[in-house]
Amino acid sequence: MPVADADIRDLLEGVRTIAVVGASPKADRPSYDVAQFLARSGYHVFPVNPAHGGGEIAGLPAYASLADIPEPIDMVDVFRASEHVAAVLDEALALPTPPKVFWTQLGVVDAEAAVRAEAAGLAVVMDRCPKIELLGDH
C-alpha cells in the first residue's frame, strides 16, 4: 500500500540520508535542482550517476552506484525512466542496510516494483517530488 498523502511529510521528516539516482550534472535538469534543494534543506544527499561517479553533481560528491555510497541510505529517490525502476530497486535491496523509503519522481511508476519494495518492508512513494512535498506546492 503506497504511503498516504497525509503521511508523506512525516516520512520525509524521518529520513536524513537520500540517494538521488539518475542525478544530472546539468544545472537546468530537475534532478540537479532537487538534489541541491534537498541538500540545502538539511538532508545528506548522495547523487548517483554511473557516468559521474567520483565527480560532483550539484556541488556534492557523486557516486556511480548505490553500493558505492559509504554509509546507509534512508531514502532512494529515482530520477530514471519507469523501465529502470525495478533495477534500481534490486540494487537498493542488495545493500547491506536497505533504505527505509523507495521514492520515484513525477511520471515514474512501476507497480510491480512497488509491490516488491513494500513486501521487503520499504515505504513506497511513486510519481511524486520530495521538493514539491516539502514546499507544500501541490
C-alpha atoms as a PDB file:
ATOM      1  CA  MET A   1       0.000   0.000   0.000  1.00  0.00           C
ATOM      2  CA  PRO A   2       1.549   3.322  -1.025  1.00  0.00           C
ATOM      3  CA  VAL A   3       2.184   5.951   1.627  1.00  0.00           C
ATOM      4  CA  ALA A   4      -0.928   8.079   2.260  1.00  0.00           C
ATOM      5  CA  ASP A   5      -0.768  11.747   1.279  1.00  0.00           C
ATOM      6  CA  ALA A   6      -1.140  12.794   4.918  1.00  0.00           C
ATOM      7  CA  ASP A   7       1.914  10.724   5.888  1.00  0.00           C
ATOM      8  CA  ILE A   8       4.351  11.926   3.222  1.00  0.00           C
ATOM      9  CA  ARG A   9       5.634  14.932   5.163  1.00  0.00           C
ATOM     10  CA  ASP A  10       6.214  12.770   8.265  1.00  0.00           C
ATOM     11  CA  LEU A  11       8.038  10.262   6.080  1.00  0.00           C
ATOM     12  CA  LEU A  12      10.339  12.993   4.733  1.00  0.00           C
ATOM     13  CA  GLU A  13      10.972  14.301   8.250  1.00  0.00           C
ATOM     14  CA  GLY A  14      12.059  10.800   9.285  1.00  0.00           C
ATOM     15  CA  VAL A  15      14.893  10.485   6.763  1.00  0.00           C
ATOM     16  CA  ARG A  16      18.314  12.134   6.836  1.00  0.00           C
ATOM     17  CA  THR A  17      20.259  10.470   4.008  1.00  0.00           C
ATOM     18  CA  ILE A  18      18.932  10.452   0.440  1.00  0.00           C
ATOM     19  CA  ALA A  19      20.431   8.908  -2.693  1.00  0.00           C
ATOM     20  CA  VAL A  20      19.248  10.691  -5.848  1.00  0.00           C
ATOM     21  CA  VAL A  21      19.566   8.037  -8.562  1.00  0.00           C
ATOM     22  CA  GLY A  22      19.824   9.491 -12.051  1.00  0.00           C
ATOM     23  CA  ALA A  23      21.121  12.847 -10.824  1.00  0.00           C
ATOM     24  CA  SER A  24      22.332  15.032 -13.673  1.00  0.00           C
ATOM     25  CA  PRO A  25      25.410  17.268 -13.628  1.00  0.00           C
ATOM     26  CA  LYS A  26      23.439  19.807 -15.714  1.00  0.00           C
ATOM     27  CA  ALA A  27      22.120  22.663 -13.565  1.00  0.00           C
ATOM     28  CA  ASP A  28      18.997  23.046 -15.713  1.00  0.00           C
ATOM     29  CA  ARG A  29      17.805  19.471 -15.033  1.00  0.00           C
ATOM     30  CA  PRO A  30      15.162  18.754 -12.363  1.00  0.00           C
ATOM     31  CA  SER A  31      17.340  16.060 -10.747  1.00  0.00           C
ATOM     32  CA  TYR A  32      20.137  18.598 -10.172  1.00  0.00           C
ATOM     33  CA  ASP A  33      17.664  21.097  -8.711  1.00  0.00           C
ATOM     34  CA  VAL A  34      16.037  18.563  -6.390  1.00  0.00           C
ATOM     35  CA  ALA A  35      19.388  17.200  -5.167  1.00  0.00           C
ATOM     36  CA  GLN A  36      20.579  20.730  -4.441  1.00  0.00           C
ATOM     37  CA  PHE A  37      17.283  21.672  -2.738  1.00  0.00           C
ATOM     38  CA  LEU A  38      17.337  18.587  -0.516  1.00  0.00           C
ATOM     39  CA  ALA A  39      20.955  19.274   0.491  1.00  0.00           C
ATOM     40  CA  ARG A  40      20.124  22.902   1.303  1.00  0.00           C
ATOM     41  CA  SER A  41      17.147  21.652   3.326  1.00  0.00           C
ATOM     42  CA  GLY A  42      19.458  19.740   5.652  1.00  0.00           C
ATOM     43  CA  TYR A  43      19.443  16.275   4.107  1.00  0.00           C
ATOM     44  CA  HIS A  44      22.697  14.407   3.446  1.00  0.00           C
ATOM     45  CA  VAL A  45      22.353  13.867  -0.314  1.00  0.00           C
ATOM     46  CA  PHE A  46      24.271  11.397  -2.466  1.00  0.00           C
ATOM     47  CA  PRO A  47      23.868  11.971  -6.234  1.00  0.00           C
ATOM     48  CA  VAL A  48      24.142   8.677  -8.156  1.00  0.00           C
ATOM     49  CA  ASN A  49      25.096   8.631 -11.830  1.00  0.00           C
ATOM     50  CA  PRO A  50      27.336   5.911 -13.344  1.00  0.00           C
ATOM     51  CA  ALA A  51      28.986   8.379 -15.723  1.00  0.00           C
ATOM     52  CA  HIS A  52      29.898  10.829 -12.950  1.00  0.00           C
ATOM     53  CA  GLY A  53      30.979   8.643 -10.019  1.00  0.00           C
ATOM     54  CA  GLY A  54      33.958  10.272  -8.335  1.00  0.00           C
ATOM     55  CA  GLY A  55      32.978  13.700  -9.636  1.00  0.00           C
ATOM     56  CA  GLU A  56      30.486  16.235  -8.342  1.00  0.00           C
ATOM     57  CA  ILE A  57      26.832  16.930  -9.044  1.00  0.00           C
ATOM     58  CA  ALA A  58      25.135  19.997  -7.541  1.00  0.00           C
ATOM     59  CA  GLY A  59      28.318  20.614  -5.536  1.00  0.00           C
ATOM     60  CA  LEU A  60      28.059  17.194  -3.887  1.00  0.00           C
ATOM     61  CA  PRO A  61      30.304  14.129  -4.267  1.00  0.00           C
ATOM     62  CA  ALA A  62      28.732  11.835  -6.875  1.00  0.00           C
ATOM     63  CA  TYR A  63      28.692   8.037  -6.845  1.00  0.00           C
ATOM     64  CA  ALA A  64      28.500   5.545  -9.704  1.00  0.00           C
ATOM     65  CA  SER A  65      26.081   3.244  -7.858  1.00  0.00           C
ATOM     66  CA  LEU A  66      24.152   2.875  -4.618  1.00  0.00           C
ATOM     67  CA  ALA A  67      26.707   0.284  -3.488  1.00  0.00           C
ATOM     68  CA  ASP A  68      29.477   2.912  -3.729  1.00  0.00           C
ATOM     69  CA  ILE A  69      27.858   5.192  -1.141  1.00  0.00           C
ATOM     70  CA  PRO A  70      29.902   4.908   2.074  1.00  0.00           C
ATOM     71  CA  GLU A  71      27.023   4.949   4.562  1.00  0.00           C
ATOM     72  CA  PRO A  72      23.482   3.615   4.932  1.00  0.00           C
ATOM     73  CA  ILE A  73      20.804   5.434   2.946  1.00  0.00           C
ATOM     74  CA  ASP A  74      17.384   6.226   4.420  1.00  0.00           C
ATOM     75  CA  MET A  75      15.716   7.009   1.085  1.00  0.00           C
ATOM     76  CA  VAL A  76      16.333   6.328  -2.591  1.00  0.00           C
ATOM     77  CA  ASP A  77      14.813   8.959  -4.917  1.00  0.00           C
ATOM     78  CA  VAL A  78      14.651   7.671  -8.507  1.00  0.00           C
ATOM     79  CA  PHE A  79      15.070  10.090 -11.428  1.00  0.00           C
ATOM     80  CA  ARG A  80      15.191   7.337 -14.060  1.00  0.00           C
ATOM     81  CA  ALA A  81      12.579   6.241 -16.599  1.00  0.00           C
ATOM     82  CA  SER A  82       9.959   3.807 -15.318  1.00  0.00           C
ATOM     83  CA  GLU A  83      11.556   0.850 -17.116  1.00  0.00           C
ATOM     84  CA  HIS A  84      14.666   1.251 -14.907  1.00  0.00           C
ATOM     85  CA  VAL A  85      12.852   1.329 -11.552  1.00  0.00           C
ATOM     86  CA  ALA A  86      12.996  -2.449 -10.986  1.00  0.00           C
ATOM     87  CA  ALA A  87      16.779  -2.498 -11.479  1.00  0.00           C
ATOM     88  CA  VAL A  88      17.235   0.430  -9.067  1.00  0.00           C
ATOM     89  CA  LEU A  89      15.068  -1.383  -6.530  1.00  0.00           C
ATOM     90  CA  ASP A  90      17.166  -4.545  -6.943  1.00  0.00           C
ATOM     91  CA  GLU A  91      20.298  -2.501  -6.268  1.00  0.00           C
ATOM     92  CA  ALA A  92      18.698  -0.873  -3.196  1.00  0.00           C
ATOM     93  CA  LEU A  93      17.537  -4.208  -1.773  1.00  0.00           C
ATOM     94  CA  ALA A  94      21.033  -5.675  -2.240  1.00  0.00           C
ATOM     95  CA  LEU A  95      22.598  -3.063   0.052  1.00  0.00           C
ATOM     96  CA  PRO A  96      23.832  -4.309   3.448  1.00  0.00           C
ATOM     97  CA  THR A  97      21.253  -1.959   5.008  1.00  0.00           C
ATOM     98  CA  PRO A  98      18.374  -1.361   2.574  1.00  0.00           C
ATOM     99  CA  PRO A  99      16.719   2.072   2.595  1.00  0.00           C
ATOM    100  CA  LYS A 100      13.548   2.747   4.585  1.00  0.00           C
ATOM    101  CA  VAL A 101      11.932   4.633   1.698  1.00  0.00           C
ATOM    102  CA  PHE A 102      11.810   3.974  -2.046  1.00  0.00           C
ATOM    103  CA  TRP A 103      10.622   7.081  -3.908  1.00  0.00           C
ATOM    104  CA  THR A 104      10.126   7.725  -7.623  1.00  0.00           C
ATOM    105  CA  GLN A 105       9.777  11.134  -9.203  1.00  0.00           C
ATOM    106  CA  LEU A 106       6.867  12.629 -11.116  1.00  0.00           C
ATOM    107  CA  GLY A 107       5.930  10.453 -14.078  1.00  0.00           C
ATOM    108  CA  VAL A 108       7.977   7.490 -12.827  1.00  0.00           C
ATOM    109  CA  VAL A 109       5.829   4.488 -11.873  1.00  0.00           C
ATOM    110  CA  ASP A 110       6.388   0.741 -11.665  1.00  0.00           C
ATOM    111  CA  ALA A 111       3.549  -1.023  -9.844  1.00  0.00           C
ATOM    112  CA  GLU A 112       5.366  -4.375  -9.697  1.00  0.00           C
ATOM    113  CA  ALA A 113       8.452  -2.757  -8.169  1.00  0.00           C
ATOM    114  CA  ALA A 114       6.207  -1.001  -5.636  1.00  0.00           C
ATOM    115  CA  VAL A 115       4.731  -4.343  -4.554  1.00  0.00           C
ATOM    116  CA  ARG A 116       8.213  -5.870  -4.226  1.00  0.00           C
ATOM    117  CA  ALA A 117       9.524  -2.882  -2.261  1.00  0.00           C
ATOM    118  CA  GLU A 118       6.578  -2.973   0.136  1.00  0.00           C
ATOM    119  CA  ALA A 119       6.981  -6.735   0.576  1.00  0.00           C
ATOM    120  CA  ALA A 120      10.603  -6.043   1.579  1.00  0.00           C
ATOM    121  CA  GLY A 121       9.392  -3.572   4.217  1.00  0.00           C
ATOM    122  CA  LEU A 122      10.128  -0.306   2.417  1.00  0.00           C
ATOM    123  CA  ALA A 123       7.739   2.646   2.421  1.00  0.00           C
ATOM    124  CA  VAL A 124       6.918   3.456  -1.210  1.00  0.00           C
ATOM    125  CA  VAL A 125       6.079   6.800  -2.809  1.00  0.00           C
ATOM    126  CA  MET A 126       5.729   6.956  -6.592  1.00  0.00           C
ATOM    127  CA  ASP A 127       5.004   9.729  -9.063  1.00  0.00           C
ATOM    128  CA  ARG A 128       5.747  12.490  -6.515  1.00  0.00           C
ATOM    129  CA  CYS A 129       8.526  15.023  -5.937  1.00  0.00           C
ATOM    130  CA  PRO A 130      10.031  15.481  -2.466  1.00  0.00           C
ATOM    131  CA  LYS A 131      10.812  19.141  -3.199  1.00  0.00           C
ATOM    132  CA  ILE A 132       7.179  19.834  -4.057  1.00  0.00           C
ATOM    133  CA  GLU A 133       6.035  17.931  -0.971  1.00  0.00           C
ATOM    134  CA  LEU A 134       8.404  19.841   1.326  1.00  0.00           C
ATOM    135  CA  LEU A 135       7.409  23.196  -0.162  1.00  0.00           C
ATOM    136  CA  GLY A 136       3.713  22.316   0.026  1.00  0.00           C
ATOM    137  CA  ASP A 137       3.384  23.357  -3.632  1.00  0.00           C
ATOM    138  CA  HIS A 138       0.761  20.930  -4.829  1.00  0.00           C
END
